[in-house]
Amino acid sequence: MILVVCANPALDRLLVLPELGLDGVNRTSRVEVTVAGKGINVARALQTMGLESHLFLFLGGENGNKVARGLSQECLPFDAWPTLGETRLTTIIHEEKIHRHTVINESGPIVPFESSLDLIHSIEKQLKPDDFLILSGSLPRGVRRDLYSVLIHIAHQKKAYSVLDSSGIPFSLALKSIPFLVKPNVKEAEEALGFAILSLGDKIKAVTCFQKIKIPLVILSDGPNGLVVGYHDEVFIVKADNTLRGGGYAIGSGDTLVGGVVAQLSQQVDVKDAIIFGTACGLANTFCSGAGVFNLDMAHQFMEHIFIENYYSSKRR
């Protein structure tokens, strides 16, 4: 089973227009409203791959009701606990002419202590050995900053695999509990490690820093520049060949990558093959306007153009 925590879900409102004109009136060519949040994006991607997951989230107000209805319509199973206030609204402005995305996140509601405690207890009851527990996104106000750390400890106790894709203080605190997999992007890794990541050498250094605290699988993403991945004592680079270019929608591609990797690992696929598949899924997501939405056949076609370029041994560095 794959359990997914999406502590800070949202309603995504995508506004598509040719180009945004500042200090003036703009007209959209298309508006899309979808349920979102990093964990929901992961669950949606897993569903496309034919795998069921179970979401754990906090919801409140009419926006929360809309999220709940949307998840039910998409047949995404979930448990939810109440917040004090409205579930947040995320506004995404996509400018088609210049392929630029602007994301405006609301701060979101406050989550009462009782809701956090209920979520922890529910996961503790449902998590089984060899399950995957995915911890995605930011934490809303009112939630203890070490929530992910607590849940990773529970995963260790249950002999399950924990996957961490977050940022800031919750990410840094959770690292101390040694999750099985972490997937920071370059900016998130810089914040956690305290140094600039500008070159390939910097990326390898960052990955080895995570390896030194005994995290088995590290995926450092850098958008179109590919991935640097650490698995136990090895570090390798994942890139697409020159014939492959991404689409115009980057929102949710990292979540789709996580879903693809976990989907494969949950079926005992080799780690390197799982990384290639996840990368292909993330790339396919950039051709769809919805986060976590992609064409599986397209992803399989992309796999032929994604390769592992070089290997390094962290033991020798």
Foldseek 3Di string as FASTA:
>chain_A
DAEEEQAQKAWEWEFEAQDDDPPDDGDGPDIDIAIDGLRVLLQLLLVLVVDAYEYEYEAEDPRRVVNVVRCVVSVHHYDYHYFDDHRWYKYWYANNNVLDIDIDTDLGTAHAPVRLVVSLVVCLVPDAAQYEYEYGEDHHHNHDLQSLLSSLVSCVVRNYAYEYEYADSSVLNNLLSQGQEYEYEQVRLCRNVVDHQDDPVSQVVSQVVSCVSPRQWYWYDHPQLFTWIHGNFKIWTKHFDPVDDAASAQAQLSSQLVSQLVSCVSVVHDNVLSNLLSNLRSRQCRNDNDHSDGDNVSSVVRSVGMDTDDMDGNVVD
